[in-house]
Amino acid sequence: MAEKLADVLAGLKSGIGAAVKTCNLLAIWEKVVDERVRKQTEAVKIRNRVLYVNARSSAWAQELSFLRAEFIKKFNNEAGAEVICDIRFKAGG
């Protein structure tokens, strides 16, 4: 059966809204870390309440992993809700 145009548009709107929300959440990373960390990292995605962050090197990824709990708390405070429960740091990318 053919879908109604309104249903198709509603689905597209929902998908676009989710993409915008994800982009806004990724931008929070830039707000909760200092300039030194910002220059060495990039938040790339959120999946299943896990924030994935690329770090410039394995040394940076290791160092940041020690601060994981602090970053999660700051991130969720900035978001106004508990949107992430973990952060995975990956070297390179």
PDB file of N, CA and C in Angstrom:
ATOM      1  N   MET A   1       0.825  -1.185   0.000  1.00  0.00           N
ATOM      2  CA  MET A   1       0.000   0.000   0.000  1.00  0.00           C
ATOM      3  C   MET A   1       0.870   1.249   0.000  1.00  0.00           C
ATOM      4  N   ALA A   2       0.446   2.229  -0.701  1.00  0.00           N
ATOM      5  CA  ALA A   2       1.194   3.486  -0.764  1.00  0.00           C
ATOM      6  C   ALA A   2       1.007   4.260   0.537  1.00  0.00           C
ATOM      7  N   GLU A   3       2.111   4.819   1.021  1.00  0.00           N
ATOM      8  CA  GLU A   3       2.039   5.641   2.227  1.00  0.00           C
ATOM      9  C   GLU A   3       1.499   7.016   1.879  1.00  0.00           C
ATOM     10  N   LYS A   4       0.807   7.595   2.820  1.00  0.00           N
ATOM     11  CA  LYS A   4       0.351   8.963   2.631  1.00  0.00           C
ATOM     12  C   LYS A   4       1.554   9.893   2.706  1.00  0.00           C
ATOM     13  N   LEU A   5       1.511  10.947   1.927  1.00  0.00           N
ATOM     14  CA  LEU A   5       2.591  11.926   1.916  1.00  0.00           C
ATOM     15  C   LEU A   5       2.829  12.490   3.313  1.00  0.00           C
ATOM     16  N   ALA A   6       1.776  12.717   4.053  1.00  0.00           N
ATOM     17  CA  ALA A   6       1.904  13.260   5.409  1.00  0.00           C
ATOM     18  C   ALA A   6       2.696  12.308   6.304  1.00  0.00           C
ATOM     19  N   ASP A   7       2.475  10.996   6.132  1.00  0.00           N
ATOM     20  CA  ASP A   7       3.206  10.013   6.931  1.00  0.00           C
ATOM     21  C   ASP A   7       4.687  10.000   6.566  1.00  0.00           C
ATOM     22  N   VAL A   8       4.975  10.095   5.272  1.00  0.00           N
ATOM     23  CA  VAL A   8       6.363  10.127   4.809  1.00  0.00           C
ATOM     24  C   VAL A   8       7.061  11.365   5.361  1.00  0.00           C
ATOM     25  N   LEU A   9       6.401  12.515   5.264  1.00  0.00           N
ATOM     26  CA  LEU A   9       6.989  13.758   5.761  1.00  0.00           C
ATOM     27  C   LEU A   9       7.184  13.721   7.272  1.00  0.00           C
ATOM     28  N   ALA A  10       6.252  13.119   7.986  1.00  0.00           N
ATOM     29  CA  ALA A  10       6.382  13.006   9.440  1.00  0.00           C
ATOM     30  C   ALA A  10       7.602  12.158   9.795  1.00  0.00           C
ATOM     31  N   GLY A  11       7.821  11.088   9.045  1.00  0.00           N
ATOM     32  CA  GLY A  11       8.996  10.242   9.272  1.00  0.00           C
ATOM     33  C   GLY A  11      10.285  10.991   9.006  1.00  0.00           C
ATOM     34  N   LEU A  12      10.305  11.771   7.932  1.00  0.00           N
ATOM     35  CA  LEU A  12      11.489  12.570   7.612  1.00  0.00           C
ATOM     36  C   LEU A  12      11.755  13.608   8.697  1.00  0.00           C
ATOM     37  N   LYS A  13      10.685  14.257   9.153  1.00  0.00           N
ATOM     38  CA  LYS A  13      10.826  15.276  10.195  1.00  0.00           C
ATOM     39  C   LYS A  13      11.389  14.657  11.469  1.00  0.00           C
ATOM     40  N   SER A  14      10.916  13.483  11.808  1.00  0.00           N
ATOM     41  CA  SER A  14      11.403  12.794  12.999  1.00  0.00           C
ATOM     42  C   SER A  14      12.888  12.472  12.869  1.00  0.00           C
ATOM     43  N   GLY A  15      13.294  11.988  11.708  1.00  0.00           N
ATOM     44  CA  GLY A  15      14.701  11.661  11.470  1.00  0.00           C
ATOM     45  C   GLY A  15      15.587  12.884  11.520  1.00  0.00           C
ATOM     46  N   ILE A  16      15.128  13.970  10.932  1.00  0.00           N
ATOM     47  CA  ILE A  16      15.897  15.217  10.949  1.00  0.00           C
ATOM     48  C   ILE A  16      15.992  15.753  12.371  1.00  0.00           C
ATOM     49  N   GLY A  17      14.897  15.674  13.103  1.00  0.00           N
ATOM     50  CA  GLY A  17      14.902  16.136  14.492  1.00  0.00           C
ATOM     51  C   GLY A  17      15.895  15.360  15.341  1.00  0.00           C
ATOM     52  N   ALA A  18      15.964  14.052  15.132  1.00  0.00           N
ATOM     53  CA  ALA A  18      16.910  13.226  15.883  1.00  0.00           C
ATOM     54  C   ALA A  18      18.348  13.592  15.533  1.00  0.00           C
ATOM     55  N   ALA A  19      18.610  13.863  14.259  1.00  0.00           N
ATOM     56  CA  ALA A  19      19.962  14.242  13.827  1.00  0.00           C
ATOM     57  C   ALA A  19      20.370  15.579  14.440  1.00  0.00           C
ATOM     58  N   VAL A  20      19.449  16.529  14.466  1.00  0.00           N
ATOM     59  CA  VAL A  20      19.740  17.841  15.056  1.00  0.00           C
ATOM     60  C   VAL A  20      19.999  17.693  16.555  1.00  0.00           C
ATOM     61  N   LYS A  21      19.188  16.885  17.219  1.00  0.00           N
ATOM     62  CA  LYS A  21      19.365  16.669  18.659  1.00  0.00           C
ATOM     63  C   LYS A  21      20.736  16.058  18.941  1.00  0.00           C
ATOM     64  N   THR A  22      21.145  15.080  18.130  1.00  0.00           N
ATOM     65  CA  THR A  22      22.457  14.458  18.303  1.00  0.00           C
ATOM     66  C   THR A  22      23.572  15.472  18.106  1.00  0.00           C
ATOM     67  N   CYS A  23      23.462  16.314  17.084  1.00  0.00           N
ATOM     68  CA  CYS A  23      24.480  17.349  16.843  1.00  0.00           C
ATOM     69  C   CYS A  23      24.568  18.305  18.025  1.00  0.00           C
ATOM     70  N   ASN A  24      23.422  18.687  18.557  1.00  0.00           N
ATOM     71  CA  ASN A  24      23.407  19.580  19.719  1.00  0.00           C
ATOM     72  C   ASN A  24      24.064  18.918  20.926  1.00  0.00           C
ATOM     73  N   LEU A  25      23.808  17.634  21.122  1.00  0.00           N
ATOM     74  CA  LEU A  25      24.414  16.928  22.243  1.00  0.00           C
ATOM     75  C   LEU A  25      25.922  16.800  22.056  1.00  0.00           C
ATOM     76  N   LEU A  26      26.362  16.520  20.834  1.00  0.00           N
ATOM     77  CA  LEU A  26      27.801  16.420  20.583  1.00  0.00           C
ATOM     78  C   LEU A  26      28.497  17.751  20.857  1.00  0.00           C
ATOM     79  N   ALA A  27      27.816  18.844  20.587  1.00  0.00           N
ATOM     80  CA  ALA A  27      28.393  20.173  20.825  1.00  0.00           C
ATOM     81  C   ALA A  27      28.620  20.433  22.313  1.00  0.00           C
ATOM     82  N   ILE A  28      27.909  19.724  23.166  1.00  0.00           N
ATOM     83  CA  ILE A  28      28.091  19.896  24.611  1.00  0.00           C
ATOM     84  C   ILE A  28      29.520  19.541  25.016  1.00  0.00           C
ATOM     85  N   TRP A  29      30.119  18.564  24.350  1.00  0.00           N
ATOM     86  CA  TRP A  29      31.497  18.177  24.673  1.00  0.00           C
ATOM     87  C   TRP A  29      32.416  19.397  24.650  1.00  0.00           C
ATOM     88  N   GLU A  30      32.237  20.235  23.631  1.00  0.00           N
ATOM     89  CA  GLU A  30      33.069  21.435  23.488  1.00  0.00           C
ATOM     90  C   GLU A  30      32.892  22.394  24.672  1.00  0.00           C
ATOM     91  N   LYS A  31      31.732  22.352  25.297  1.00  0.00           N
ATOM     92  CA  LYS A  31      31.447  23.252  26.419  1.00  0.00           C
ATOM     93  C   LYS A  31      32.005  22.747  27.746  1.00  0.00           C
ATOM     94  N   VAL A  32      32.099  21.431  27.902  1.00  0.00           N
ATOM     95  CA  VAL A  32      32.460  20.884  29.214  1.00  0.00           C
ATOM     96  C   VAL A  32      33.947  20.590  29.375  1.00  0.00           C
ATOM     97  N   VAL A  33      34.703  20.682  28.288  1.00  0.00           N
ATOM     98  CA  VAL A  33      36.148  20.465  28.398  1.00  0.00           C
ATOM     99  C   VAL A  33      36.879  21.781  28.166  1.00  0.00           C
ATOM    100  N   ASP A  34      38.089  21.867  28.695  1.00  0.00           N
ATOM    101  CA  ASP A  34      38.853  23.098  28.507  1.00  0.00           C
ATOM    102  C   ASP A  34      39.487  23.136  27.113  1.00  0.00           C
ATOM    103  N   GLU A  35      40.061  24.266  26.784  1.00  0.00           N
ATOM    104  CA  GLU A  35      40.602  24.485  25.437  1.00  0.00           C
ATOM    105  C   GLU A  35      41.689  23.476  25.082  1.00  0.00           C
ATOM    106  N   ARG A  36      42.511  23.136  26.035  1.00  0.00           N
ATOM    107  CA  ARG A  36      43.594  22.178  25.797  1.00  0.00           C
ATOM    108  C   ARG A  36      43.033  20.819  25.361  1.00  0.00           C
ATOM    109  N   VAL A  37      41.986  20.354  26.034  1.00  0.00           N
ATOM    110  CA  VAL A  37      41.351  19.079  25.688  1.00  0.00           C
ATOM    111  C   VAL A  37      40.596  19.213  24.370  1.00  0.00           C
ATOM    112  N   ARG A  38      39.910  20.328  24.175  1.00  0.00           N
ATOM    113  CA  ARG A  38      39.161  20.569  22.932  1.00  0.00           C
ATOM    114  C   ARG A  38      40.050  20.416  21.708  1.00  0.00           C
ATOM    115  N   LYS A  39      41.272  20.928  21.798  1.00  0.00           N
ATOM    116  CA  LYS A  39      42.194  20.877  20.655  1.00  0.00           C
ATOM    117  C   LYS A  39      42.682  19.465  20.357  1.00  0.00           C
ATOM    118  N   GLN A  40      42.565  18.571  21.318  1.00  0.00           N
ATOM    119  CA  GLN A  40      43.090  17.212  21.169  1.00  0.00           C
ATOM    120  C   GLN A  40      42.009  16.158  20.953  1.00  0.00           C
ATOM    121  N   THR A  41      40.732  16.582  20.948  1.00  0.00           N
ATOM    122  CA  THR A  41      39.638  15.607  20.887  1.00  0.00           C
ATOM    123  C   THR A  41      38.532  16.046  19.935  1.00  0.00           C
ATOM    124  N   GLU A  42      37.686  15.080  19.604  1.00  0.00           N
ATOM    125  CA  GLU A  42      36.478  15.356  18.821  1.00  0.00           C
ATOM    126  C   GLU A  42      35.403  14.355  19.230  1.00  0.00           C
ATOM    127  N   ALA A  43      34.257  14.857  19.668  1.00  0.00           N
ATOM    128  CA  ALA A  43      33.114  13.994  19.959  1.00  0.00           C
ATOM    129  C   ALA A  43      32.508  13.590  18.621  1.00  0.00           C
ATOM    130  N   VAL A  44      32.340  12.281  18.396  1.00  0.00           N
ATOM    131  CA  VAL A  44      31.906  11.831  17.075  1.00  0.00           C
ATOM    132  C   VAL A  44      30.503  11.243  17.034  1.00  0.00           C
ATOM    133  N   LYS A  45      30.065  10.611  18.120  1.00  0.00           N
ATOM    134  CA  LYS A  45      28.705  10.057  18.100  1.00  0.00           C
ATOM    135  C   LYS A  45      28.266   9.695  19.506  1.00  0.00           C
ATOM    136  N   ILE A  46      26.960   9.537  19.629  1.00  0.00           N
ATOM    137  CA  ILE A  46      26.371   8.997  20.847  1.00  0.00           C
ATOM    138  C   ILE A  46      25.521   7.816  20.415  1.00  0.00           C
ATOM    139  N   ARG A  47      25.793   6.673  21.012  1.00  0.00           N
ATOM    140  CA  ARG A  47      25.018   5.475  20.692  1.00  0.00           C
ATOM    141  C   ARG A  47      24.769   4.715  21.989  1.00  0.00           C
ATOM    142  N   ASN A  48      23.511   4.389  22.233  1.00  0.00           N
ATOM    143  CA  ASN A  48      23.125   3.658  23.447  1.00  0.00           C
ATOM    144  C   ASN A  48      23.659   4.321  24.718  1.00  0.00           C
ATOM    145  N   ARG A  49      23.526   5.653  24.752  1.00  0.00           N
ATOM    146  CA  ARG A  49      23.920   6.472  25.903  1.00  0.00           C
ATOM    147  C   ARG A  49      25.424   6.475  26.155  1.00  0.00           C
ATOM    148  N   VAL A  50      26.204   6.108  25.141  1.00  0.00           N
ATOM    149  CA  VAL A  50      27.663   6.150  25.233  1.00  0.00           C
ATOM    150  C   VAL A  50      28.169   7.214  24.266  1.00  0.00           C
ATOM    151  N   LEU A  51      28.967   8.140  24.782  1.00  0.00           N
ATOM    152  CA  LEU A  51      29.592   9.175  23.963  1.00  0.00           C
ATOM    153  C   LEU A  51      30.937   8.647  23.479  1.00  0.00           C
ATOM    154  N   TYR A  52      31.156   8.704  22.172  1.00  0.00           N
ATOM    155  CA  TYR A  52      32.421   8.262  21.577  1.00  0.00           C
ATOM    156  C   TYR A  52      33.238   9.494  21.213  1.00  0.00           C
ATOM    157  N   VAL A  53      34.475   9.527  21.710  1.00  0.00           N
ATOM    158  CA  VAL A  53      35.352  10.676  21.511  1.00  0.00           C
ATOM    159  C   VAL A  53      36.674  10.198  20.918  1.00  0.00           C
ATOM    160  N   ASN A  54      37.065  10.799  19.807  1.00  0.00           N
ATOM    161  CA  ASN A  54      38.378  10.529  19.230  1.00  0.00           C
ATOM    162  C   ASN A  54      39.393  11.451  19.883  1.00  0.00           C
ATOM    163  N   ALA A  55      40.523  10.885  20.278  1.00  0.00           N
ATOM    164  CA  ALA A  55      41.625  11.650  20.860  1.00  0.00           C
ATOM    165  C   ALA A  55      42.799  11.623  19.891  1.00  0.00           C
ATOM    166  N   ARG A  56      43.605  12.654  19.934  1.00  0.00           N
ATOM    167  CA  ARG A  56      44.720  12.790  18.997  1.00  0.00           C
ATOM    168  C   ARG A  56      45.739  11.651  19.108  1.00  0.00           C
ATOM    169  N   SER A  57      45.912  11.101  20.307  1.00  0.00           N
ATOM    170  CA  SER A  57      46.904  10.037  20.497  1.00  0.00           C
ATOM    171  C   SER A  57      46.419   9.066  21.568  1.00  0.00           C
ATOM    172  N   SER A  58      47.093   7.924  21.652  1.00  0.00           N
ATOM    173  CA  SER A  58      46.736   6.953  22.687  1.00  0.00           C
ATOM    174  C   SER A  58      47.040   7.504  24.082  1.00  0.00           C
ATOM    175  N   ALA A  59      48.067   8.342  24.188  1.00  0.00           N
ATOM    176  CA  ALA A  59      48.376   8.965  25.482  1.00  0.00           C
ATOM    177  C   ALA A  59      47.225   9.862  25.931  1.00  0.00           C
ATOM    178  N   TRP A  60      46.672  10.639  25.005  1.00  0.00           N
ATOM    179  CA  TRP A  60      45.527  11.492  25.338  1.00  0.00           C
ATOM    180  C   TRP A  60      44.317  10.643  25.712  1.00  0.00           C
ATOM    181  N   ALA A  61      44.051   9.601  24.948  1.00  0.00           N
ATOM    182  CA  ALA A  61      42.905   8.734  25.238  1.00  0.00           C
ATOM    183  C   ALA A  61      43.035   8.135  26.638  1.00  0.00           C
ATOM    184  N   GLN A  62      44.224   7.690  26.985  1.00  0.00           N
ATOM    185  CA  GLN A  62      44.470   7.109  28.304  1.00  0.00           C
ATOM    186  C   GLN A  62      44.270   8.145  29.410  1.00  0.00           C
ATOM    187  N   GLU A  63      44.844   9.315  29.236  1.00  0.00           N
ATOM    188  CA  GLU A  63      44.725  10.381  30.237  1.00  0.00           C
ATOM    189  C   GLU A  63      43.260  10.784  30.444  1.00  0.00           C
ATOM    190  N   LEU A  64      42.535  10.932  29.349  1.00  0.00           N
ATOM    191  CA  LEU A  64      41.131  11.337  29.442  1.00  0.00           C
ATOM    192  C   LEU A  64      40.275  10.263  30.102  1.00  0.00           C
ATOM    193  N   SER A  65      40.640   9.002  29.906  1.00  0.00           N
ATOM    194  CA  SER A  65      39.851   7.926  30.509  1.00  0.00           C
ATOM    195  C   SER A  65      39.870   8.011  32.038  1.00  0.00           C
ATOM    196  N   PHE A  66      40.940   8.559  32.607  1.00  0.00           N
ATOM    197  CA  PHE A  66      41.002   8.728  34.059  1.00  0.00           C
ATOM    198  C   PHE A  66      40.016   9.794  34.547  1.00  0.00           C
ATOM    199  N   LEU A  67      39.611  10.685  33.659  1.00  0.00           N
ATOM    200  CA  LEU A  67      38.688  11.775  34.006  1.00  0.00           C
ATOM    201  C   LEU A  67      37.257  11.496  33.544  1.00  0.00           C
ATOM    202  N   ARG A  68      37.004  10.273  33.100  1.00  0.00           N
ATOM    203  CA  ARG A  68      35.711   9.884  32.524  1.00  0.00           C
ATOM    204  C   ARG A  68      34.527  10.284  33.410  1.00  0.00           C
ATOM    205  N   ALA A  69      34.561   9.921  34.681  1.00  0.00           N
ATOM    206  CA  ALA A  69      33.425  10.193  35.582  1.00  0.00           C
ATOM    207  C   ALA A  69      33.146  11.688  35.689  1.00  0.00           C
ATOM    208  N   GLU A  70      34.202  12.479  35.771  1.00  0.00           N
ATOM    209  CA  GLU A  70      34.039  13.937  35.847  1.00  0.00           C
ATOM    210  C   GLU A  70      33.400  14.480  34.568  1.00  0.00           C
ATOM    211  N   PHE A  71      33.859  13.992  33.412  1.00  0.00           N
ATOM    212  CA  PHE A  71      33.299  14.448  32.136  1.00  0.00           C
ATOM    213  C   PHE A  71      31.828  14.051  31.994  1.00  0.00           C
ATOM    214  N   ILE A  72      31.485  12.842  32.416  1.00  0.00           N
ATOM    215  CA  ILE A  72      30.089  12.384  32.331  1.00  0.00           C
ATOM    216  C   ILE A  72      29.194  13.294  33.169  1.00  0.00           C
ATOM    217  N   LYS A  73      29.630  13.589  34.374  1.00  0.00           N
ATOM    218  CA  LYS A  73      28.842  14.456  35.262  1.00  0.00           C
ATOM    219  C   LYS A  73      28.655  15.839  34.647  1.00  0.00           C
ATOM    220  N   LYS A  74      29.738  16.445  34.157  1.00  0.00           N
ATOM    221  CA  LYS A  74      29.647  17.774  33.540  1.00  0.00           C
ATOM    222  C   LYS A  74      28.756  17.749  32.301  1.00  0.00           C
ATOM    223  N   PHE A  75      28.902  16.713  31.480  1.00  0.00           N
ATOM    224  CA  PHE A  75      28.123  16.600  30.249  1.00  0.00           C
ATOM    225  C   PHE A  75      26.634  16.533  30.570  1.00  0.00           C
ATOM    226  N   ASN A  76      26.261  15.651  31.483  1.00  0.00           N
ATOM    227  CA  ASN A  76      24.850  15.496  31.840  1.00  0.00           C
ATOM    228  C   ASN A  76      24.290  16.751  32.503  1.00  0.00           C
ATOM    229  N   ASN A  77      25.092  17.421  33.319  1.00  0.00           N
ATOM    230  CA  ASN A  77      24.647  18.684  33.921  1.00  0.00           C
ATOM    231  C   ASN A  77      24.362  19.722  32.841  1.00  0.00           C
ATOM    232  N   GLU A  78      25.247  19.826  31.871  1.00  0.00           N
ATOM    233  CA  GLU A  78      25.064  20.787  30.775  1.00  0.00           C
ATOM    234  C   GLU A  78      23.845  20.429  29.927  1.00  0.00           C
ATOM    235  N   ALA A  79      23.603  19.130  29.725  1.00  0.00           N
ATOM    236  CA  ALA A  79      22.461  18.676  28.924  1.00  0.00           C
ATOM    237  C   ALA A  79      21.144  18.838  29.675  1.00  0.00           C
ATOM    238  N   GLY A  80      21.209  18.892  30.994  1.00  0.00           N
ATOM    239  CA  GLY A  80      19.992  19.016  31.790  1.00  0.00           C
ATOM    240  C   GLY A  80      19.279  17.701  32.011  1.00  0.00           C
ATOM    241  N   ALA A  81      19.938  16.600  31.665  1.00  0.00           N
ATOM    242  CA  ALA A  81      19.370  15.265  31.845  1.00  0.00           C
ATOM    243  C   ALA A  81      20.505  14.256  31.759  1.00  0.00           C
ATOM    244  N   GLU A  82      20.245  13.058  32.219  1.00  0.00           N
ATOM    245  CA  GLU A  82      21.259  12.012  32.130  1.00  0.00           C
ATOM    246  C   GLU A  82      21.198  11.385  30.739  1.00  0.00           C
ATOM    247  N   VAL A  83      21.924  11.972  29.811  1.00  0.00           N
ATOM    248  CA  VAL A  83      21.872  11.510  28.416  1.00  0.00           C
ATOM    249  C   VAL A  83      22.989  10.535  28.081  1.00  0.00           C
ATOM    250  N   ILE A  84      24.083  10.561  28.847  1.00  0.00           N
ATOM    251  CA  ILE A  84      25.142   9.573  28.631  1.00  0.00           C
ATOM    252  C   ILE A  84      25.470   8.884  29.951  1.00  0.00           C
ATOM    253  N   CYS A  85      25.903   7.635  29.848  1.00  0.00           N
ATOM    254  CA  CYS A  85      26.301   6.896  31.045  1.00  0.00           C
ATOM    255  C   CYS A  85      27.758   6.457  30.955  1.00  0.00           C
ATOM    256  N   ASP A  86      28.377   6.652  29.786  1.00  0.00           N
ATOM    257  CA  ASP A  86      29.780   6.276  29.614  1.00  0.00           C
ATOM    258  C   ASP A  86      30.384   7.106  28.486  1.00  0.00           C
ATOM    259  N   ILE A  87      31.708   7.171  28.483  1.00  0.00           N
ATOM    260  CA  ILE A  87      32.449   7.811  27.395  1.00  0.00           C
ATOM    261  C   ILE A  87      33.541   6.843  26.978  1.00  0.00           C
ATOM    262  N   ARG A  88      33.647   6.610  25.684  1.00  0.00           N
ATOM    263  CA  ARG A  88      34.713   5.763  25.142  1.00  0.00           C
ATOM    264  C   ARG A  88      35.674   6.644  24.370  1.00  0.00           C
ATOM    265  N   PHE A  89      36.925   6.594  24.760  1.00  0.00           N
ATOM    266  CA  PHE A  89      37.965   7.380  24.100  1.00  0.00           C
ATOM    267  C   PHE A  89      38.752   6.472  23.170  1.00  0.00           C
ATOM    268  N   LYS A  90      38.971   6.938  21.950  1.00  0.00           N
ATOM    269  CA  LYS A  90      39.697   6.163  20.948  1.00  0.00           C
ATOM    270  C   LYS A  90      40.814   7.029  20.379  1.00  0.00           C
ATOM    271  N   ALA A  91      41.991   6.451  20.253  1.00  0.00           N
ATOM    272  CA  ALA A  91      43.115   7.182  19.666  1.00  0.00           C
ATOM    273  C   ALA A  91      42.949   7.256  18.157  1.00  0.00           C
ATOM    274  N   GLY A  92      43.248   8.415  17.601  1.00  0.00           N
ATOM    275  CA  GLY A  92      43.152   8.595  16.153  1.00  0.00           C
ATOM    276  C   GLY A  92      41.732   8.801  15.703  1.00  0.00           C
ATOM    277  N   GLY A  93      41.528   8.607  14.426  1.00  0.00           N
ATOM    278  CA  GLY A  93      40.167   8.707  13.907  1.00  0.00           C
ATOM    279  C   GLY A  93      39.958   9.978  13.254  1.00  0.00           C
TER     280      GLY A  93
END
